[in-house]
Amino acid sequence: MNKHKTLIADSGASKTDWCLLNGGEVTHRFNTKGISPIFQTQEEISEEIKKCVIPQLQERVPNTIIFYGSGCIPEKVECVKSAIRFSFPTSKINVYSDLIAAAHALCGNEAGIACILGTGSNSCEWNGQEIVKHVSPLGFILGDEGSGAYMGKLLMSDVLKNRIPAELKDKFMKEYYLTPAIIIENVYRKPFPSRFLASISPFLLQNIENDSVMNIVKRSFADFIQRNVIQYDYKKHKVNFVGSIAHYYATILKIVALENGVTVGRIEQSPMEGLIEYYKSKAL
């Protein structure tokens, strides 16, 4: 008797993590380029799946495909479904946002607060079945507090306004081959400024012992909690995090959360392990 095969995808801006479950057991994991209906047409997504996903599966056709992705807003769900259906016409296909991925991975069927802290940020209150409250992240210009882009924005501003020690400023500019003109060009004129801002996060981590850097990171997390998390029922539920920023700055994140009366639950670098656990429990 053939076991039920479930293909799970978690797609971000740069890459997509795929996992094939066969009767609840992991049988294959692989990565492809990021897939997003915001930046790609239905035809482009379909071609990416045909060229990069189908060969990896080696004729193991999934019964169910569950795709989570940034940009999978309600208006784009059908576009992604149709693109997947082109290669898997007989499969059941579900498409969800990356925020639902965070909720499924971090909270599962339990109520809680799920947060994403990566290049951008997002959050929601989850009742175990659906999102019951959502504070809009607003992007890196008006929001995205706690994210890599937000930290990068704070650092760039402090660098250009001479609010960090001169030797640290010189070290930063030399390490990233930057000048004020190059920074302005990347932030205001070139595409994907949030990625550019987030790309300097490693510098913050490497120099975290510097008071100026520590203040930037703490302020970023405090802004995220005060402008987003406290709008949820945070006194009743644990606050859970997924994403590279949450993972690498976990110690500082926990300190800032405690200072703001917030109880931290899980912190995961990627949602995939939690998603595997979630679907194993469903015994698909």
C-alpha atoms as a PDB file:
ATOM      1  CA  MET A   1       0.000   0.000   0.000  1.00  0.00           C
ATOM      2  CA  ASN A   2       1.418   3.394  -1.029  1.00  0.00           C
ATOM      3  CA  LYS A   3       1.923   5.849   1.804  1.00  0.00           C
ATOM      4  CA  HIS A   4       0.629   9.405   1.610  1.00  0.00           C
ATOM      5  CA  LYS A   5       3.361  11.730   0.324  1.00  0.00           C
ATOM      6  CA  THR A   6       3.341  15.356   1.472  1.00  0.00           C
ATOM      7  CA  LEU A   7       5.664  17.953  -0.060  1.00  0.00           C
ATOM      8  CA  ILE A   8       6.269  21.007   2.172  1.00  0.00           C
ATOM      9  CA  ALA A   9       7.870  24.196   0.860  1.00  0.00           C
ATOM     10  CA  ASP A  10       9.045  27.211   2.858  1.00  0.00           C
ATOM     11  CA  SER A  11      10.064  30.016   0.531  1.00  0.00           C
ATOM     12  CA  GLY A  12      11.875  33.235   1.376  1.00  0.00           C
ATOM     13  CA  ALA A  13      13.433  35.958  -0.726  1.00  0.00           C
ATOM     14  CA  SER A  14      16.608  34.042  -1.556  1.00  0.00           C
ATOM     15  CA  LYS A  15      15.821  30.335  -1.231  1.00  0.00           C
ATOM     16  CA  THR A  16      13.073  27.751  -0.849  1.00  0.00           C
ATOM     17  CA  ASP A  17      13.417  24.799   1.550  1.00  0.00           C
ATOM     18  CA  TRP A  18      11.574  21.657   0.422  1.00  0.00           C
ATOM     19  CA  CYS A  19      10.803  18.529   2.426  1.00  0.00           C
ATOM     20  CA  LEU A  20       9.040  15.365   1.278  1.00  0.00           C
ATOM     21  CA  LEU A  21       7.208  13.368   3.938  1.00  0.00           C
ATOM     22  CA  ASN A  22       6.253   9.788   3.131  1.00  0.00           C
ATOM     23  CA  GLY A  23       3.719   8.490   5.606  1.00  0.00           C
ATOM     24  CA  GLY A  24       4.933  11.045   8.139  1.00  0.00           C
ATOM     25  CA  GLU A  25       8.630  10.204   7.674  1.00  0.00           C
ATOM     26  CA  VAL A  26      11.129  12.579   6.068  1.00  0.00           C
ATOM     27  CA  THR A  27      12.439  10.971   2.874  1.00  0.00           C
ATOM     28  CA  HIS A  28      14.007  13.876   1.001  1.00  0.00           C
ATOM     29  CA  ARG A  29      15.065  17.488   1.650  1.00  0.00           C
ATOM     30  CA  PHE A  30      16.500  19.989  -0.824  1.00  0.00           C
ATOM     31  CA  ASN A  31      16.744  23.706  -1.632  1.00  0.00           C
ATOM     32  CA  THR A  32      15.925  25.808  -4.698  1.00  0.00           C
ATOM     33  CA  LYS A  33      15.903  29.531  -5.412  1.00  0.00           C
ATOM     34  CA  GLY A  34      13.346  31.739  -3.677  1.00  0.00           C
ATOM     35  CA  ILE A  35       9.862  31.775  -5.183  1.00  0.00           C
ATOM     36  CA  SER A  36       7.640  34.829  -4.770  1.00  0.00           C
ATOM     37  CA  PRO A  37       4.460  35.861  -6.639  1.00  0.00           C
ATOM     38  CA  ILE A  38       5.358  39.479  -5.872  1.00  0.00           C
ATOM     39  CA  PHE A  39       8.474  39.350  -8.059  1.00  0.00           C
ATOM     40  CA  GLN A  40       7.638  36.466 -10.420  1.00  0.00           C
ATOM     41  CA  THR A  41       4.842  35.715 -12.860  1.00  0.00           C
ATOM     42  CA  GLN A  42       2.844  32.492 -12.756  1.00  0.00           C
ATOM     43  CA  GLU A  43       4.818  31.275 -15.781  1.00  0.00           C
ATOM     44  CA  GLU A  44       8.177  32.000 -14.110  1.00  0.00           C
ATOM     45  CA  ILE A  45       7.166  30.158 -10.939  1.00  0.00           C
ATOM     46  CA  SER A  46       5.916  27.227 -12.992  1.00  0.00           C
ATOM     47  CA  GLU A  47       9.194  27.076 -14.930  1.00  0.00           C
ATOM     48  CA  GLU A  48      11.234  27.158 -11.710  1.00  0.00           C
ATOM     49  CA  ILE A  49       9.275  24.203 -10.315  1.00  0.00           C
ATOM     50  CA  LYS A  50       9.560  22.282 -13.576  1.00  0.00           C
ATOM     51  CA  LYS A  51      13.337  22.764 -13.845  1.00  0.00           C
ATOM     52  CA  CYS A  52      14.436  22.583 -10.212  1.00  0.00           C
ATOM     53  CA  VAL A  53      11.817  20.711  -8.171  1.00  0.00           C
ATOM     54  CA  ILE A  54      10.603  17.927 -10.455  1.00  0.00           C
ATOM     55  CA  PRO A  55      14.126  16.490 -11.033  1.00  0.00           C
ATOM     56  CA  GLN A  56      14.742  16.388  -7.261  1.00  0.00           C
ATOM     57  CA  LEU A  57      11.641  14.293  -6.628  1.00  0.00           C
ATOM     58  CA  GLN A  58      12.658  11.610  -9.155  1.00  0.00           C
ATOM     59  CA  GLU A  59       9.098  10.551 -10.028  1.00  0.00           C
ATOM     60  CA  ARG A  60       7.941  10.545  -6.387  1.00  0.00           C
ATOM     61  CA  VAL A  61       4.667  12.381  -6.952  1.00  0.00           C
ATOM     62  CA  PRO A  62       3.234  13.963  -3.773  1.00  0.00           C
ATOM     63  CA  ASN A  63      -0.427  13.556  -2.881  1.00  0.00           C
ATOM     64  CA  THR A  64      -0.419  16.903  -1.063  1.00  0.00           C
ATOM     65  CA  ILE A  65       1.680  20.019  -1.584  1.00  0.00           C
ATOM     66  CA  ILE A  66       1.823  22.693   1.123  1.00  0.00           C
ATOM     67  CA  PHE A  67       3.565  25.881   0.022  1.00  0.00           C
ATOM     68  CA  TYR A  68       4.414  28.713   2.428  1.00  0.00           C
ATOM     69  CA  GLY A  69       5.956  31.882   1.045  1.00  0.00           C
ATOM     70  CA  SER A  70       6.646  35.550   1.479  1.00  0.00           C
ATOM     71  CA  GLY A  71       4.341  37.456  -0.840  1.00  0.00           C
ATOM     72  CA  CYS A  72       1.637  34.773  -0.693  1.00  0.00           C
ATOM     73  CA  ILE A  73      -1.057  37.310   0.161  1.00  0.00           C
ATOM     74  CA  PRO A  74      -4.692  36.314  -0.549  1.00  0.00           C
ATOM     75  CA  GLU A  75      -4.671  37.958  -3.995  1.00  0.00           C
ATOM     76  CA  LYS A  76      -1.616  35.905  -5.048  1.00  0.00           C
ATOM     77  CA  VAL A  77      -2.610  32.486  -3.685  1.00  0.00           C
ATOM     78  CA  GLU A  78      -4.349  31.338  -6.885  1.00  0.00           C
ATOM     79  CA  CYS A  79      -1.347  32.393  -8.975  1.00  0.00           C
ATOM     80  CA  VAL A  80       0.960  30.147  -6.929  1.00  0.00           C
ATOM     81  CA  LYS A  81      -1.561  27.281  -6.887  1.00  0.00           C
ATOM     82  CA  SER A  82      -1.917  27.403 -10.662  1.00  0.00           C
ATOM     83  CA  ALA A  83       1.857  27.468 -11.141  1.00  0.00           C
ATOM     84  CA  ILE A  84       2.272  24.391  -8.922  1.00  0.00           C
ATOM     85  CA  ARG A  85      -0.712  22.617 -10.482  1.00  0.00           C
ATOM     86  CA  PHE A  86       0.968  22.791 -13.902  1.00  0.00           C
ATOM     87  CA  SER A  87       3.549  20.230 -12.676  1.00  0.00           C
ATOM     88  CA  PHE A  88       1.376  18.412 -10.122  1.00  0.00           C
ATOM     89  CA  PRO A  89      -2.161  18.281 -11.618  1.00  0.00           C
ATOM     90  CA  THR A  90      -3.341  15.430  -9.383  1.00  0.00           C
ATOM     91  CA  SER A  91      -2.103  16.779  -6.054  1.00  0.00           C
ATOM     92  CA  LYS A  92      -4.015  18.614  -3.370  1.00  0.00           C
ATOM     93  CA  ILE A  93      -2.381  22.058  -3.115  1.00  0.00           C
ATOM     94  CA  ASN A  94      -2.494  24.516  -0.206  1.00  0.00           C
ATOM     95  CA  VAL A  95      -0.731  27.899  -0.293  1.00  0.00           C
ATOM     96  CA  TYR A  96      -0.121  30.009   2.816  1.00  0.00           C
ATOM     97  CA  SER A  97       1.822  33.115   3.797  1.00  0.00           C
ATOM     98  CA  ASP A  98       5.152  33.007   5.636  1.00  0.00           C
ATOM     99  CA  LEU A  99       3.321  34.296   8.717  1.00  0.00           C
ATOM    100  CA  ILE A 100       1.096  31.199   8.716  1.00  0.00           C
ATOM    101  CA  ALA A 101       4.286  29.149   8.376  1.00  0.00           C
ATOM    102  CA  ALA A 102       5.611  30.816  11.523  1.00  0.00           C
ATOM    103  CA  ALA A 103       2.350  30.145  13.393  1.00  0.00           C
ATOM    104  CA  HIS A 104       2.207  26.480  12.320  1.00  0.00           C
ATOM    105  CA  ALA A 105       5.900  25.945  13.103  1.00  0.00           C
ATOM    106  CA  LEU A 106       6.044  27.795  16.420  1.00  0.00           C
ATOM    107  CA  CYS A 107       2.574  27.269  17.894  1.00  0.00           C
ATOM    108  CA  GLY A 108       1.054  24.345  16.016  1.00  0.00           C
ATOM    109  CA  ASN A 109      -2.443  23.693  17.340  1.00  0.00           C
ATOM    110  CA  GLU A 110      -1.860  25.719  20.506  1.00  0.00           C
ATOM    111  CA  ALA A 111      -2.644  29.390  21.035  1.00  0.00           C
ATOM    112  CA  GLY A 112       0.300  31.760  21.094  1.00  0.00           C
ATOM    113  CA  ILE A 113       2.044  34.711  19.521  1.00  0.00           C
ATOM    114  CA  ALA A 114       4.205  34.041  16.451  1.00  0.00           C
ATOM    115  CA  CYS A 115       6.842  36.491  15.231  1.00  0.00           C
ATOM    116  CA  ILE A 116       9.226  36.634  12.275  1.00  0.00           C
ATOM    117  CA  LEU A 117      12.541  38.460  12.671  1.00  0.00           C
ATOM    118  CA  GLY A 118      14.622  38.138   9.519  1.00  0.00           C
ATOM    119  CA  THR A 119      15.339  40.607   6.724  1.00  0.00           C
ATOM    120  CA  GLY A 120      11.903  42.015   7.581  1.00  0.00           C
ATOM    121  CA  SER A 121       9.597  41.391  10.528  1.00  0.00           C
ATOM    122  CA  ASN A 122       5.996  40.333  11.091  1.00  0.00           C
ATOM    123  CA  SER A 123       3.819  39.017  13.906  1.00  0.00           C
ATOM    124  CA  CYS A 124       0.388  37.715  14.808  1.00  0.00           C
ATOM    125  CA  GLU A 125      -1.742  36.252  17.578  1.00  0.00           C
ATOM    126  CA  TRP A 126      -2.736  32.649  16.825  1.00  0.00           C
ATOM    127  CA  ASN A 127      -5.599  30.751  18.469  1.00  0.00           C
ATOM    128  CA  GLY A 128      -4.407  27.307  17.388  1.00  0.00           C
ATOM    129  CA  GLN A 129      -6.378  27.327  14.140  1.00  0.00           C
ATOM    130  CA  GLU A 130      -6.135  30.806  12.634  1.00  0.00           C
ATOM    131  CA  ILE A 131      -4.748  34.315  13.050  1.00  0.00           C
ATOM    132  CA  VAL A 132      -7.025  36.314  15.345  1.00  0.00           C
ATOM    133  CA  LYS A 133      -5.006  39.548  15.415  1.00  0.00           C
ATOM    134  CA  HIS A 134      -2.341  40.988  13.149  1.00  0.00           C
ATOM    135  CA  VAL A 135      -0.377  44.228  13.447  1.00  0.00           C
ATOM    136  CA  SER A 136       0.797  45.259   9.980  1.00  0.00           C
ATOM    137  CA  PRO A 137       4.608  45.229   9.667  1.00  0.00           C
ATOM    138  CA  LEU A 138       4.477  48.186   7.183  1.00  0.00           C
ATOM    139  CA  GLY A 139       7.869  47.473   5.614  1.00  0.00           C
ATOM    140  CA  PHE A 140      11.289  48.863   6.504  1.00  0.00           C
ATOM    141  CA  ILE A 141      10.406  52.553   5.947  1.00  0.00           C
ATOM    142  CA  LEU A 142       7.412  52.740   8.295  1.00  0.00           C
ATOM    143  CA  GLY A 143       7.916  49.568  10.332  1.00  0.00           C
ATOM    144  CA  ASP A 144       9.752  46.216  10.258  1.00  0.00           C
ATOM    145  CA  GLU A 145      11.042  46.883  13.770  1.00  0.00           C
ATOM    146  CA  GLY A 146      13.383  44.182  15.069  1.00  0.00           C
ATOM    147  CA  SER A 147      14.421  43.080  11.585  1.00  0.00           C
ATOM    148  CA  GLY A 148      17.813  43.030   9.910  1.00  0.00           C
ATOM    149  CA  ALA A 149      16.714  45.891   7.659  1.00  0.00           C
ATOM    150  CA  TYR A 150      15.610  47.961  10.651  1.00  0.00           C
ATOM    151  CA  MET A 151      18.892  47.386  12.474  1.00  0.00           C
ATOM    152  CA  GLY A 152      20.748  48.265   9.291  1.00  0.00           C
ATOM    153  CA  LYS A 153      18.763  51.475   8.953  1.00  0.00           C
ATOM    154  CA  LEU A 154      19.611  52.485  12.524  1.00  0.00           C
ATOM    155  CA  LEU A 155      23.292  51.710  12.009  1.00  0.00           C
ATOM    156  CA  MET A 156      23.512  53.541   8.658  1.00  0.00           C
ATOM    157  CA  SER A 157      21.838  56.580  10.174  1.00  0.00           C
ATOM    158  CA  ASP A 158      24.191  56.610  13.157  1.00  0.00           C
ATOM    159  CA  VAL A 159      27.204  56.187  10.859  1.00  0.00           C
ATOM    160  CA  LEU A 160      26.231  59.076   8.599  1.00  0.00           C
ATOM    161  CA  LYS A 161      25.338  61.329  11.555  1.00  0.00           C
ATOM    162  CA  ASN A 162      28.572  60.473  13.417  1.00  0.00           C
ATOM    163  CA  ARG A 163      26.757  58.928  16.368  1.00  0.00           C
ATOM    164  CA  ILE A 164      29.096  55.952  16.731  1.00  0.00           C
ATOM    165  CA  PRO A 165      32.806  56.025  17.662  1.00  0.00           C
ATOM    166  CA  ALA A 166      35.035  57.228  14.810  1.00  0.00           C
ATOM    167  CA  GLU A 167      37.163  54.068  14.801  1.00  0.00           C
ATOM    168  CA  LEU A 168      34.049  51.870  14.562  1.00  0.00           C
ATOM    169  CA  LYS A 169      32.690  54.008  11.734  1.00  0.00           C
ATOM    170  CA  ASP A 170      35.979  53.715   9.811  1.00  0.00           C
ATOM    171  CA  LYS A 171      36.073  49.965  10.369  1.00  0.00           C
ATOM    172  CA  PHE A 172      32.516  49.603   9.075  1.00  0.00           C
ATOM    173  CA  MET A 173      33.026  51.739   5.959  1.00  0.00           C
ATOM    174  CA  LYS A 174      36.244  49.912   5.028  1.00  0.00           C
ATOM    175  CA  GLU A 175      34.884  46.428   5.697  1.00  0.00           C
ATOM    176  CA  TYR A 176      31.866  46.963   3.447  1.00  0.00           C
ATOM    177  CA  TYR A 177      33.627  49.233   0.895  1.00  0.00           C
ATOM    178  CA  LEU A 178      31.122  52.003   1.553  1.00  0.00           C
ATOM    179  CA  THR A 179      31.042  55.779   1.239  1.00  0.00           C
ATOM    180  CA  PRO A 180      28.149  58.116   2.129  1.00  0.00           C
ATOM    181  CA  ALA A 181      27.334  58.382  -1.593  1.00  0.00           C
ATOM    182  CA  ILE A 182      27.214  54.591  -2.024  1.00  0.00           C
ATOM    183  CA  ILE A 183      24.938  54.224   1.008  1.00  0.00           C
ATOM    184  CA  ILE A 184      22.521  56.863  -0.313  1.00  0.00           C
ATOM    185  CA  GLU A 185      22.557  55.244  -3.767  1.00  0.00           C
ATOM    186  CA  ASN A 186      21.710  51.796  -2.357  1.00  0.00           C
ATOM    187  CA  VAL A 187      19.007  53.017   0.001  1.00  0.00           C
ATOM    188  CA  TYR A 188      17.215  55.577  -2.152  1.00  0.00           C
ATOM    189  CA  ARG A 189      17.854  54.655  -5.785  1.00  0.00           C
ATOM    190  CA  LYS A 190      18.654  50.974  -6.227  1.00  0.00           C
ATOM    191  CA  PRO A 191      16.116  48.115  -5.948  1.00  0.00           C
ATOM    192  CA  PHE A 192      15.762  46.006  -2.775  1.00  0.00           C
ATOM    193  CA  PRO A 193      17.055  48.580  -0.252  1.00  0.00           C
ATOM    194  CA  SER A 194      15.826  46.414   2.641  1.00  0.00           C
ATOM    195  CA  ARG A 195      18.154  43.603   1.545  1.00  0.00           C
ATOM    196  CA  PHE A 196      21.048  46.054   1.395  1.00  0.00           C
ATOM    197  CA  LEU A 197      20.303  47.337   4.882  1.00  0.00           C
ATOM    198  CA  ALA A 198      19.916  43.815   6.279  1.00  0.00           C
ATOM    199  CA  SER A 199      23.174  42.676   4.673  1.00  0.00           C
ATOM    200  CA  ILE A 200      25.224  44.544   7.296  1.00  0.00           C
ATOM    201  CA  SER A 201      23.719  42.615  10.225  1.00  0.00           C
ATOM    202  CA  PRO A 202      26.868  40.455  10.571  1.00  0.00           C
ATOM    203  CA  PHE A 203      28.843  43.606  11.426  1.00  0.00           C
ATOM    204  CA  LEU A 204      26.511  44.296  14.346  1.00  0.00           C
ATOM    205  CA  LEU A 205      26.913  40.739  15.626  1.00  0.00           C
ATOM    206  CA  GLN A 206      30.708  40.851  15.286  1.00  0.00           C
ATOM    207  CA  ASN A 207      30.891  44.127  17.224  1.00  0.00           C
ATOM    208  CA  ILE A 208      28.125  43.486  19.742  1.00  0.00           C
ATOM    209  CA  GLU A 209      30.419  44.265  22.707  1.00  0.00           C
ATOM    210  CA  ASN A 210      30.542  47.904  21.577  1.00  0.00           C
ATOM    211  CA  ASP A 211      27.991  49.972  23.513  1.00  0.00           C
ATOM    212  CA  SER A 212      26.841  51.823  20.374  1.00  0.00           C
ATOM    213  CA  VAL A 213      26.122  48.552  18.593  1.00  0.00           C
ATOM    214  CA  MET A 214      24.439  46.966  21.608  1.00  0.00           C
ATOM    215  CA  ASN A 215      22.179  50.015  21.910  1.00  0.00           C
ATOM    216  CA  ILE A 216      21.115  49.671  18.258  1.00  0.00           C
ATOM    217  CA  VAL A 217      20.201  46.000  18.678  1.00  0.00           C
ATOM    218  CA  LYS A 218      18.381  46.558  21.981  1.00  0.00           C
ATOM    219  CA  ARG A 219      16.492  49.553  20.612  1.00  0.00           C
ATOM    220  CA  SER A 220      15.439  47.539  17.566  1.00  0.00           C
ATOM    221  CA  PHE A 221      14.003  44.710  19.682  1.00  0.00           C
ATOM    222  CA  ALA A 222      12.389  47.119  22.146  1.00  0.00           C
ATOM    223  CA  ASP A 223      10.690  48.931  19.260  1.00  0.00           C
ATOM    224  CA  PHE A 224       9.404  45.610  17.900  1.00  0.00           C
ATOM    225  CA  ILE A 225       7.937  44.601  21.245  1.00  0.00           C
ATOM    226  CA  GLN A 226       6.483  47.993  22.110  1.00  0.00           C
ATOM    227  CA  ARG A 227       5.004  48.703  18.679  1.00  0.00           C
ATOM    228  CA  ASN A 228       3.803  45.183  17.863  1.00  0.00           C
ATOM    229  CA  VAL A 229       3.877  42.500  20.562  1.00  0.00           C
ATOM    230  CA  ILE A 230       2.164  44.437  23.338  1.00  0.00           C
ATOM    231  CA  GLN A 231      -0.910  44.832  21.121  1.00  0.00           C
ATOM    232  CA  TYR A 232      -1.481  41.095  21.521  1.00  0.00           C
ATOM    233  CA  ASP A 233      -2.479  39.143  24.647  1.00  0.00           C
ATOM    234  CA  TYR A 234       1.193  38.774  25.602  1.00  0.00           C
ATOM    235  CA  LYS A 235       0.485  38.395  29.323  1.00  0.00           C
ATOM    236  CA  LYS A 236      -1.506  35.229  28.628  1.00  0.00           C
ATOM    237  CA  HIS A 237       0.584  33.717  25.821  1.00  0.00           C
ATOM    238  CA  LYS A 238       4.259  33.068  25.217  1.00  0.00           C
ATOM    239  CA  VAL A 239       5.872  35.003  22.394  1.00  0.00           C
ATOM    240  CA  ASN A 240       7.669  32.795  19.853  1.00  0.00           C
ATOM    241  CA  PHE A 241      10.168  33.790  17.174  1.00  0.00           C
ATOM    242  CA  VAL A 242      11.495  32.447  13.905  1.00  0.00           C
ATOM    243  CA  GLY A 243      14.157  33.921  11.618  1.00  0.00           C
ATOM    244  CA  SER A 244      17.886  34.521  11.383  1.00  0.00           C
ATOM    245  CA  ILE A 245      17.867  37.728  13.443  1.00  0.00           C
ATOM    246  CA  ALA A 246      15.892  36.101  16.273  1.00  0.00           C
ATOM    247  CA  HIS A 247      18.242  33.097  16.180  1.00  0.00           C
ATOM    248  CA  TYR A 248      21.602  34.889  16.152  1.00  0.00           C
ATOM    249  CA  TYR A 249      20.611  37.600  18.634  1.00  0.00           C
ATOM    250  CA  ALA A 250      18.550  35.283  20.859  1.00  0.00           C
ATOM    251  CA  THR A 251      20.342  36.189  24.111  1.00  0.00           C
ATOM    252  CA  ILE A 252      19.764  39.931  23.657  1.00  0.00           C
ATOM    253  CA  LEU A 253      16.204  39.335  22.432  1.00  0.00           C
ATOM    254  CA  LYS A 254      15.383  37.440  25.634  1.00  0.00           C
ATOM    255  CA  ILE A 255      16.873  40.213  27.788  1.00  0.00           C
ATOM    256  CA  VAL A 256      14.859  42.930  26.042  1.00  0.00           C
ATOM    257  CA  ALA A 257      11.698  40.816  26.194  1.00  0.00           C
ATOM    258  CA  LEU A 258      12.147  40.306  29.943  1.00  0.00           C
ATOM    259  CA  GLU A 259      12.658  44.049  30.429  1.00  0.00           C
ATOM    260  CA  ASN A 260       9.308  44.593  28.709  1.00  0.00           C
ATOM    261  CA  GLY A 261       7.403  41.943  30.657  1.00  0.00           C
ATOM    262  CA  VAL A 262       7.246  39.486  27.745  1.00  0.00           C
ATOM    263  CA  THR A 263       7.745  35.719  28.160  1.00  0.00           C
ATOM    264  CA  VAL A 264       9.670  34.180  25.264  1.00  0.00           C
ATOM    265  CA  GLY A 265       8.779  30.685  24.082  1.00  0.00           C
ATOM    266  CA  ARG A 266      10.500  29.061  21.103  1.00  0.00           C
ATOM    267  CA  ILE A 267      13.187  30.710  18.996  1.00  0.00           C
ATOM    268  CA  GLU A 268      13.967  28.931  15.713  1.00  0.00           C
ATOM    269  CA  GLN A 269      16.239  29.932  12.848  1.00  0.00           C
ATOM    270  CA  SER A 270      13.969  28.344  10.230  1.00  0.00           C
ATOM    271  CA  PRO A 271      10.333  27.217  10.319  1.00  0.00           C
ATOM    272  CA  MET A 272      10.968  23.951   8.471  1.00  0.00           C
ATOM    273  CA  GLU A 273      11.709  21.769  11.525  1.00  0.00           C
ATOM    274  CA  GLY A 274       8.541  23.012  13.190  1.00  0.00           C
ATOM    275  CA  LEU A 275       6.534  22.474  10.002  1.00  0.00           C
ATOM    276  CA  ILE A 276       7.781  18.892   9.752  1.00  0.00           C
ATOM    277  CA  GLU A 277       6.752  18.330  13.360  1.00  0.00           C
ATOM    278  CA  TYR A 278       3.355  19.955  12.700  1.00  0.00           C
ATOM    279  CA  TYR A 279       2.533  17.731   9.725  1.00  0.00           C
ATOM    280  CA  LYS A 280       3.913  14.586  11.309  1.00  0.00           C
ATOM    281  CA  SER A 281       1.456  15.136  14.144  1.00  0.00           C
ATOM    282  CA  LYS A 282      -1.361  15.308  11.620  1.00  0.00           C
ATOM    283  CA  ALA A 283      -0.295  11.907  10.250  1.00  0.00           C
ATOM    284  CA  LEU A 284      -1.098  12.885   6.704  1.00  0.00           C
END
